[in-house]
């Protein structure tokens, strides 16, 4: 009896020393620009992250999920301060955050120093190159990645010379580098880089004539609308097609795009009208919660959260084992609204792209027609190491 009691005592002691993981919430830091010039993209992306966890009843592998939100305001100094607060004050165990490149660049050294897993939707190519680390994952195409798809798609359409107009910012300048490499520098006429939120594009558009086969535009949000409107006003629509790079005509901006947007093409990883069960679930879920139509930013937020959820399931919720979580996240493959998605060897996104053409739907509203699927596009590390 004494021997049996001793065994029971040792067993009870052993159980008491086990980490009470299942009793503790998993804390996830979620930061996006909720105020400032890109809040129209940041707030919906945050909402889509929340939707993904709502679909799991905010419980994964038996553990409650606690999302802690911060507002980067689209500014690097504020964003870094808020991330430090999430990590050091709130003790979050991973980060699901941000879309602004300058904030991503500010965060990367800190994330590496703290050794905290970070799933980013920042298109900054350096996050999987110069700043790459075991802790950084990017669920969004890099600017080289979406620039390459645009250049190759237009070449396939028969373009040989083009104009390029884009923000004076890293994503558009990196996309230009790809277009220049694919087309040859001499065939990209007068590349122009106005500042973000330029109100009058006339000084740039009036330089363009019919010497080119089309125009690349690498600007987003409200600038997509202004460029498209003024492109039509100055008579360029009748002379040259406009090809928007990445999310130029994403669903969340189409509501504010002018009627002249009809016929504008682009290529990106999300098309709201794609008829798949996964996309229908995503769209209907977003509409029911937020009374709006999701676009590419929401897709990135939703799917980045889905990748995290699957990795947590694969390790049975043991986020405290950081190496096991990182290994699991590296291997996740999910069939999402747009098809299969995964991470490459540098933790960059691998996903399908679609050719998109703006059209007027039966309800009179603008929408994207889903054209050719470009399967499983990888970041071109060989072209841009």
Protein backbone atom coordinates (compact mmCIF):
# COMPACT_ATOMS: atom_id res chain seq x y z
CA UNK A 1 0.00 0.00 0.00
CA UNK A 2 2.83 2.32 0.92
CA UNK A 3 4.41 1.67 -2.52
CA UNK A 4 1.09 2.34 -4.30
CA UNK A 5 0.61 5.59 -2.33
CA UNK A 6 4.10 6.73 -3.26
CA UNK A 7 3.35 6.13 -6.94
CA UNK A 8 0.16 8.15 -6.66
CA UNK A 9 2.06 10.94 -4.93
CA UNK A 10 4.76 11.07 -7.60
CA UNK A 11 2.15 10.94 -10.36
CA UNK A 12 0.19 13.81 -8.81
CA UNK A 13 3.39 15.84 -8.40
CA UNK A 14 4.29 15.21 -12.03
CA UNK A 15 0.87 16.34 -13.19
CA UNK A 16 1.09 19.49 -11.09
CA UNK A 17 4.39 20.39 -12.71
CA UNK A 18 2.98 20.16 -16.27
CA UNK A 19 2.34 23.56 -17.92
CA UNK A 20 -1.36 24.44 -17.70
CA UNK A 21 -1.39 25.38 -21.39
CA UNK A 22 -4.99 24.38 -21.97
CA UNK A 23 -6.12 26.76 -19.20
CA UNK A 24 -4.34 29.81 -20.58
CA UNK A 25 -5.41 31.95 -23.52
CA UNK A 26 -3.11 32.26 -26.50
CA UNK A 27 -2.40 35.96 -26.92
CA UNK A 28 -2.01 37.28 -30.46
CA UNK A 29 -1.01 40.87 -31.22
CA UNK A 30 -2.98 42.33 -34.14
CA UNK A 31 -1.82 45.72 -35.44
CA UNK A 32 -2.98 47.58 -38.54
CA UNK A 33 -3.40 51.25 -39.47
CA UNK A 34 -6.86 52.09 -38.11
CA UNK A 35 -6.40 55.84 -38.47
CA UNK A 36 -4.47 57.86 -41.05
CA UNK A 37 -4.22 57.68 -44.85
CA UNK A 38 -4.35 53.87 -45.20
CA UNK A 39 -6.97 53.14 -42.53
CA UNK A 40 -9.45 52.25 -45.30
CA UNK A 41 -7.30 49.16 -45.91
CA UNK A 42 -6.10 48.53 -42.35
CA UNK A 43 -9.43 48.38 -40.51
CA UNK A 44 -11.04 45.87 -42.93
CA UNK A 45 -7.95 43.67 -42.79
CA UNK A 46 -8.13 43.63 -39.02
CA UNK A 47 -11.83 42.70 -39.28
CA UNK A 48 -10.99 39.76 -41.54
CA UNK A 49 -8.43 38.48 -39.02
CA UNK A 50 -11.18 38.60 -36.41
CA UNK A 51 -13.55 36.76 -38.78
CA UNK A 52 -11.12 33.85 -39.13
CA UNK A 53 -10.94 33.36 -35.36
CA UNK A 54 -14.70 33.91 -34.98
CA UNK A 55 -15.19 30.94 -37.31
CA UNK A 56 -13.30 28.87 -34.73
CA UNK A 57 -15.35 30.32 -31.85
CA UNK A 58 -12.08 31.91 -30.72
CA UNK A 59 -10.86 28.53 -29.54
CA UNK A 60 -8.10 26.54 -31.26
CA UNK A 61 -6.91 23.12 -30.11
CA UNK A 62 -8.84 23.56 -26.86
CA UNK A 63 -7.28 26.93 -26.02
CA UNK A 64 -9.01 30.28 -26.01
CA UNK A 65 -7.64 32.90 -28.39
CA UNK A 66 -7.25 36.46 -27.17
CA UNK A 67 -6.66 39.04 -29.89
CA UNK A 68 -5.07 42.27 -28.67
CA UNK A 69 -5.48 45.17 -31.11
CA UNK A 70 -3.30 48.20 -31.77
CA UNK A 71 -3.37 51.05 -34.31
CA UNK A 72 -0.12 51.79 -36.14
CA UNK A 73 -1.66 54.94 -37.70
CA UNK A 74 0.45 54.11 -40.76
CA UNK A 75 3.57 55.60 -39.11
CA UNK A 76 6.80 53.66 -38.42
CA UNK A 77 7.58 55.27 -35.05
CA UNK A 78 4.06 54.73 -33.73
CA UNK A 79 3.88 51.22 -35.15
CA UNK A 80 7.14 50.14 -33.53
CA UNK A 81 6.10 51.60 -30.18
CA UNK A 82 2.78 49.75 -30.33
CA UNK A 83 4.45 46.46 -31.25
CA UNK A 84 6.84 46.82 -28.32
CA UNK A 85 3.86 47.35 -26.03
CA UNK A 86 2.14 44.22 -27.34
CA UNK A 87 5.28 42.13 -26.82
CA UNK A 88 6.71 43.58 -23.60
CA UNK A 89 3.60 44.78 -21.78
CA UNK A 90 0.90 42.41 -23.02
CA UNK A 91 3.15 39.35 -23.48
CA UNK A 92 1.64 38.29 -26.80
CA UNK A 93 3.01 35.03 -28.17
CA UNK A 94 2.85 35.92 -31.85
CA UNK A 95 2.08 38.85 -34.12
CA UNK A 96 -0.43 39.05 -36.97
CA UNK A 97 0.01 42.52 -38.27
CA UNK A 98 0.62 45.42 -40.57
CA UNK A 99 0.51 46.27 -44.24
CA UNK A 100 2.65 49.44 -44.49
CA UNK A 101 6.15 48.76 -45.83
CA UNK A 102 7.95 51.40 -43.76
CA UNK A 103 6.44 49.96 -40.57
CA UNK A 104 7.39 46.44 -41.64
CA UNK A 105 10.98 47.61 -42.13
CA UNK A 106 10.98 49.16 -38.64
CA UNK A 107 9.49 46.03 -37.06
CA UNK A 108 11.80 43.41 -38.59
CA UNK A 109 14.92 44.01 -36.43
CA UNK A 110 12.83 44.10 -33.27
CA UNK A 111 10.99 40.89 -34.16
CA UNK A 112 14.32 39.16 -34.78
CA UNK A 113 15.73 40.47 -31.52
CA UNK A 114 12.69 39.32 -29.53
CA UNK A 115 12.44 36.02 -31.43
CA UNK A 116 8.68 36.30 -31.71
CA UNK A 117 6.80 34.74 -34.67
CA UNK A 118 5.33 37.41 -36.96
CA UNK A 119 2.95 36.76 -39.85
CA UNK A 120 3.07 39.91 -41.93
CA UNK A 121 1.01 41.26 -44.82
CA UNK A 122 3.71 43.78 -45.75
CA UNK A 123 4.76 43.45 -49.41
CA UNK A 124 8.32 44.62 -48.66
CA UNK A 125 10.58 42.18 -50.51
CA UNK A 126 13.43 42.49 -47.99
CA UNK A 127 11.38 40.68 -45.32
CA UNK A 128 12.26 37.41 -47.02
CA UNK A 129 15.65 38.58 -48.27
CA UNK A 130 17.98 40.89 -46.32
CA UNK A 131 15.69 40.84 -43.26
CA UNK A 132 14.67 37.21 -43.48
CA UNK A 133 14.66 35.20 -40.27
CA UNK A 134 13.02 32.10 -38.82
CA UNK A 135 10.45 34.35 -37.16
CA UNK A 136 9.14 36.33 -40.15
CA UNK A 137 6.44 35.00 -42.48
CA UNK A 138 4.84 37.06 -45.26
CA UNK A 139 1.30 36.22 -46.34
CA UNK A 140 1.17 38.69 -49.20
CA UNK A 141 3.04 38.68 -52.50
CA UNK A 142 6.26 40.65 -52.44
CA UNK A 143 6.48 43.66 -54.72
CA UNK A 144 8.85 41.68 -56.95
CA UNK A 145 6.30 38.87 -57.07
CA UNK A 146 3.31 40.97 -58.12
CA UNK A 147 5.49 43.07 -60.42
CA UNK A 148 6.66 39.95 -62.25
CA UNK A 149 3.11 38.68 -62.78
CA UNK A 150 2.08 42.07 -64.21
CA UNK A 151 5.07 42.23 -66.54
CA UNK A 152 4.65 38.68 -67.80
CA UNK A 153 0.88 39.00 -68.23
CA UNK A 154 1.17 42.15 -70.35
CA UNK A 155 3.95 40.63 -72.43
CA UNK A 156 1.59 37.75 -73.12
CA UNK A 157 -1.00 40.34 -74.22
CA UNK A 158 1.47 41.62 -76.80
CA UNK A 159 2.89 44.66 -75.01
CA UNK A 160 6.49 45.53 -75.83
CA UNK A 161 6.71 49.16 -74.62
CA UNK A 162 4.97 50.74 -71.66
CA UNK A 163 4.74 53.74 -69.41
CA UNK A 164 5.08 53.25 -65.66
CA UNK A 165 3.56 55.45 -62.97
CA UNK A 166 3.77 54.49 -59.31
CA UNK A 167 4.15 55.78 -55.80
CA UNK A 168 7.48 57.09 -54.65
CA UNK A 169 7.60 54.19 -52.19
CA UNK A 170 9.35 50.80 -51.96
CA UNK A 171 6.53 48.54 -53.29
CA UNK A 172 6.03 50.50 -56.52
CA UNK A 173 9.74 51.12 -57.07
CA UNK A 174 10.48 47.40 -56.60
CA UNK A 175 7.66 46.52 -59.00
CA UNK A 176 9.22 48.94 -61.50
CA UNK A 177 12.56 47.13 -61.21
CA UNK A 178 10.84 43.92 -62.30
CA UNK A 179 9.04 45.56 -65.22
CA UNK A 180 12.32 47.14 -66.31
CA UNK A 181 14.11 43.78 -66.20
CA UNK A 182 11.37 41.95 -68.15
CA UNK A 183 10.83 44.70 -70.74
CA UNK A 184 14.33 46.15 -70.94
CA UNK A 185 14.99 49.62 -69.54
CA UNK A 186 14.72 51.27 -72.95
CA UNK A 187 11.16 49.96 -73.34
CA UNK A 188 9.80 51.48 -70.14
CA UNK A 189 9.16 55.08 -71.14
CA UNK A 190 9.50 57.94 -68.66
CA UNK A 191 8.97 56.06 -65.38
CA UNK A 192 7.29 58.45 -62.97
CA UNK A 193 7.07 58.29 -59.16
CA UNK A 194 4.68 60.86 -57.67
CA UNK A 195 4.16 61.01 -53.92
CA UNK A 196 1.47 59.01 -52.15
CA UNK A 197 -1.90 60.83 -52.18
CA UNK A 198 -1.04 63.09 -55.13
CA UNK A 199 -4.23 65.00 -55.98
CA UNK A 200 -3.40 66.02 -59.55
CA UNK A 201 -1.77 63.52 -61.90
CA UNK A 202 -2.00 65.82 -64.93
CA UNK A 203 1.74 66.67 -64.94
CA UNK A 204 2.46 62.97 -65.30
CA UNK A 205 -0.36 61.78 -67.53
CA UNK A 206 0.03 64.57 -70.07
CA UNK A 207 3.58 63.32 -70.80
CA UNK A 208 2.16 60.05 -72.15
CA UNK A 209 1.37 59.54 -75.80
CA UNK A 210 0.60 56.59 -78.05
CA UNK A 211 4.22 55.48 -78.41
CA UNK A 212 3.61 52.70 -75.89
CA UNK A 213 1.33 49.67 -75.80
CA UNK A 214 -0.06 50.53 -72.38
CA UNK A 215 0.42 52.05 -68.95
CA UNK A 216 1.39 50.33 -65.71
CA UNK A 217 -0.02 51.92 -62.55
CA UNK A 218 1.40 50.95 -59.16
CA UNK A 219 -0.58 53.05 -56.69
CA UNK A 220 -3.37 51.99 -54.41
CA UNK A 221 -6.35 53.08 -52.34
CA UNK A 222 -7.78 56.46 -53.31
CA UNK A 223 -4.90 57.03 -55.74
CA UNK A 224 -6.23 54.18 -57.92
CA UNK A 225 -9.44 56.11 -58.38
CA UNK A 226 -7.72 59.43 -59.12
CA UNK A 227 -5.33 57.94 -61.65
CA UNK A 228 -8.12 56.08 -63.44
CA UNK A 229 -10.40 59.12 -63.52
CA UNK A 230 -7.72 61.45 -64.84
CA UNK A 231 -6.40 58.82 -67.26
CA UNK A 232 -9.84 58.88 -68.88
CA UNK A 233 -10.25 62.67 -68.68
CA UNK A 234 -7.03 63.26 -70.60
CA UNK A 235 -8.13 60.94 -73.40
CA UNK A 236 -5.64 58.20 -72.67
CA UNK A 237 -8.26 55.48 -72.26
CA UNK A 238 -9.04 55.58 -75.98
CA UNK A 239 -5.35 55.33 -76.87
CA UNK A 240 -3.71 52.93 -74.41
CA UNK A 241 -4.91 50.28 -71.95
CA UNK A 242 -4.25 50.74 -68.24
CA UNK A 243 -2.89 47.78 -66.24
CA UNK A 244 -3.06 48.16 -62.47
CA UNK A 245 -0.35 46.36 -60.52
CA UNK A 246 -1.40 44.25 -57.50
CA UNK A 247 -4.50 45.56 -55.66
CA UNK A 248 -5.06 48.57 -57.95
CA UNK A 249 -8.68 47.48 -58.59
CA UNK A 250 -9.25 45.47 -55.43
CA UNK A 251 -12.89 45.04 -54.39
CA UNK A 252 -12.62 47.33 -51.37
CA UNK A 253 -11.70 50.30 -53.60
CA UNK A 254 -14.06 49.55 -56.50
CA UNK A 255 -16.95 51.21 -54.68
CA UNK A 256 -15.13 54.53 -54.98
CA UNK A 257 -13.75 53.98 -58.49
CA UNK A 258 -15.20 56.02 -61.38
CA UNK A 259 -17.31 54.44 -64.16
CA UNK A 260 -14.30 54.88 -66.44
CA UNK A 261 -12.69 51.98 -64.54
CA UNK A 262 -14.63 49.49 -66.66
CA UNK A 263 -12.12 47.60 -68.80
CA UNK A 264 -9.10 48.34 -66.59
CA UNK A 265 -7.11 45.15 -66.03
CA UNK A 266 -4.82 43.96 -63.26
CA UNK A 267 -3.47 40.74 -61.77
CA UNK A 268 -3.53 39.77 -58.12
CA UNK A 269 -4.22 37.02 -55.63
CA UNK A 270 -7.88 37.82 -54.90
CA UNK A 271 -10.99 37.96 -57.10
CA UNK A 272 -14.25 38.47 -55.24
CA UNK A 273 -16.45 36.82 -57.87
CA UNK A 274 -14.51 33.54 -57.99
CA UNK A 275 -17.07 30.73 -57.66
CA UNK A 276 -15.58 28.36 -55.09
CA UNK A 277 -17.17 27.08 -51.84
CA UNK A 278 -14.30 28.56 -49.85
CA UNK A 279 -14.71 32.00 -51.39
CA UNK A 280 -18.49 31.97 -50.94
CA UNK A 281 -18.03 31.16 -47.24
CA UNK A 282 -15.48 33.95 -46.88
CA UNK A 283 -17.56 36.56 -48.71
CA UNK A 284 -20.83 35.67 -46.99
CA UNK A 285 -19.13 35.57 -43.59
CA UNK A 286 -17.57 38.98 -44.11
CA UNK A 287 -20.81 40.51 -45.40
CA UNK A 288 -22.83 39.17 -42.49
CA UNK A 289 -20.38 40.56 -39.94
CA UNK A 290 -19.31 43.85 -41.49
CA UNK A 291 -21.92 44.63 -44.17
CA UNK A 292 -19.32 45.15 -46.86
CA UNK A 293 -17.61 43.30 -49.69
CA UNK A 294 -14.17 41.86 -48.95
CA UNK A 295 -11.20 42.49 -51.20
CA UNK A 296 -7.54 41.58 -51.33
CA UNK A 297 -6.62 43.20 -48.00
CA UNK A 298 -9.33 41.28 -46.19
CA UNK A 299 -8.27 38.11 -47.99
CA UNK A 300 -4.68 38.53 -46.78
CA UNK A 301 -5.78 39.14 -43.19
CA UNK A 302 -8.23 36.24 -43.22
CA UNK A 303 -5.81 33.77 -44.75
CA UNK A 304 -2.84 34.81 -42.62
CA UNK A 305 -5.02 34.04 -39.59
CA UNK A 306 -6.11 30.72 -41.16
CA UNK A 307 -2.45 29.75 -41.61
CA UNK A 308 -1.79 30.48 -37.93
CA UNK A 309 -4.89 28.54 -36.87
CA UNK A 310 -3.81 25.46 -38.82
CA UNK A 311 -0.28 25.59 -37.40
CA UNK A 312 -1.70 25.83 -33.86
CA UNK A 313 -3.92 22.82 -34.54
CA UNK A 314 -0.93 20.89 -35.87
CA UNK A 315 0.98 21.42 -32.60
CA UNK A 316 -2.14 20.88 -30.46
CA UNK A 317 -2.10 24.48 -29.28
CA UNK A 318 1.34 24.34 -27.66
CA UNK A 319 2.42 27.84 -28.77
CA UNK A 320 4.94 27.90 -25.92
CA UNK A 321 7.04 25.53 -28.01
CA UNK A 322 8.09 28.29 -30.38
CA UNK A 323 10.27 26.11 -32.58
CA UNK A 324 7.49 23.58 -33.06
CA UNK A 325 5.07 26.37 -34.02
CA UNK A 326 7.50 27.89 -36.54
CA UNK A 327 8.18 24.46 -38.04
CA UNK A 328 4.45 23.75 -38.31
CA UNK A 329 3.69 27.15 -39.86
CA UNK A 330 6.46 26.61 -42.42
CA UNK A 331 4.70 23.43 -43.58
CA UNK A 332 1.07 24.59 -43.60
CA UNK A 333 -0.80 24.17 -46.88
CA UNK A 334 -4.41 25.37 -47.00
CA UNK A 335 -7.07 25.39 -49.66
CA UNK A 336 -8.53 28.86 -49.21
CA UNK A 337 -10.94 31.14 -51.11
CA UNK A 338 -8.53 31.42 -54.07
CA UNK A 339 -6.98 27.95 -54.05
CA UNK A 340 -3.94 26.44 -52.35
CA UNK A 341 -1.65 28.66 -50.31
CA UNK A 342 1.61 27.96 -48.51
CA UNK A 343 4.96 29.50 -47.59
CA UNK A 344 8.16 29.03 -49.57
CA UNK A 345 11.59 28.21 -48.17
CA UNK A 346 12.11 31.87 -47.16
CA UNK A 347 8.61 32.11 -45.60
CA UNK A 348 7.18 34.10 -48.51
CA UNK A 349 3.71 33.47 -49.92
CA UNK A 350 3.07 30.91 -52.65
CA UNK A 351 -0.42 31.32 -54.14
CA UNK A 352 -2.50 31.53 -57.30
CA UNK A 353 -2.91 34.85 -59.10
CA UNK A 354 -5.84 35.81 -61.35
CA UNK A 355 -6.13 38.20 -64.25
CA UNK A 356 -8.83 40.72 -63.31
CA UNK A 357 -10.92 42.97 -65.52
CA UNK A 358 -13.26 45.60 -64.07
CA UNK A 359 -16.82 45.19 -65.29
CA UNK A 360 -20.27 46.43 -64.34
CA UNK A 361 -22.27 43.76 -62.53
CA UNK A 362 -26.00 43.02 -62.88
CA UNK A 363 -26.67 45.38 -59.96
CA UNK A 364 -24.87 48.21 -61.75
CA UNK A 365 -21.92 48.13 -59.35
CA UNK A 366 -18.32 47.63 -60.40
CA UNK A 367 -16.75 44.24 -59.81
CA UNK A 368 -13.79 42.20 -61.02
CA UNK A 369 -14.23 39.49 -63.61
CA UNK A 370 -11.95 36.56 -62.79
CA UNK A 371 -9.89 35.69 -65.83
CA UNK A 372 -6.94 33.37 -66.30
CA UNK A 373 -5.59 31.63 -63.20
CA UNK A 374 -1.81 31.85 -62.87
CA UNK A 375 -1.00 28.90 -60.67
CA UNK A 376 1.21 28.86 -57.57
CA UNK A 377 3.31 31.95 -58.11
CA UNK A 378 6.55 32.10 -56.11
CA UNK A 379 8.66 35.10 -55.24
CA UNK A 380 11.39 35.41 -57.96
CA UNK A 381 14.43 35.01 -55.71
CA UNK A 382 16.51 33.90 -58.69
CA UNK A 383 15.86 37.23 -60.48
CA UNK A 384 16.03 39.40 -57.36
CA UNK A 385 18.08 37.68 -54.67
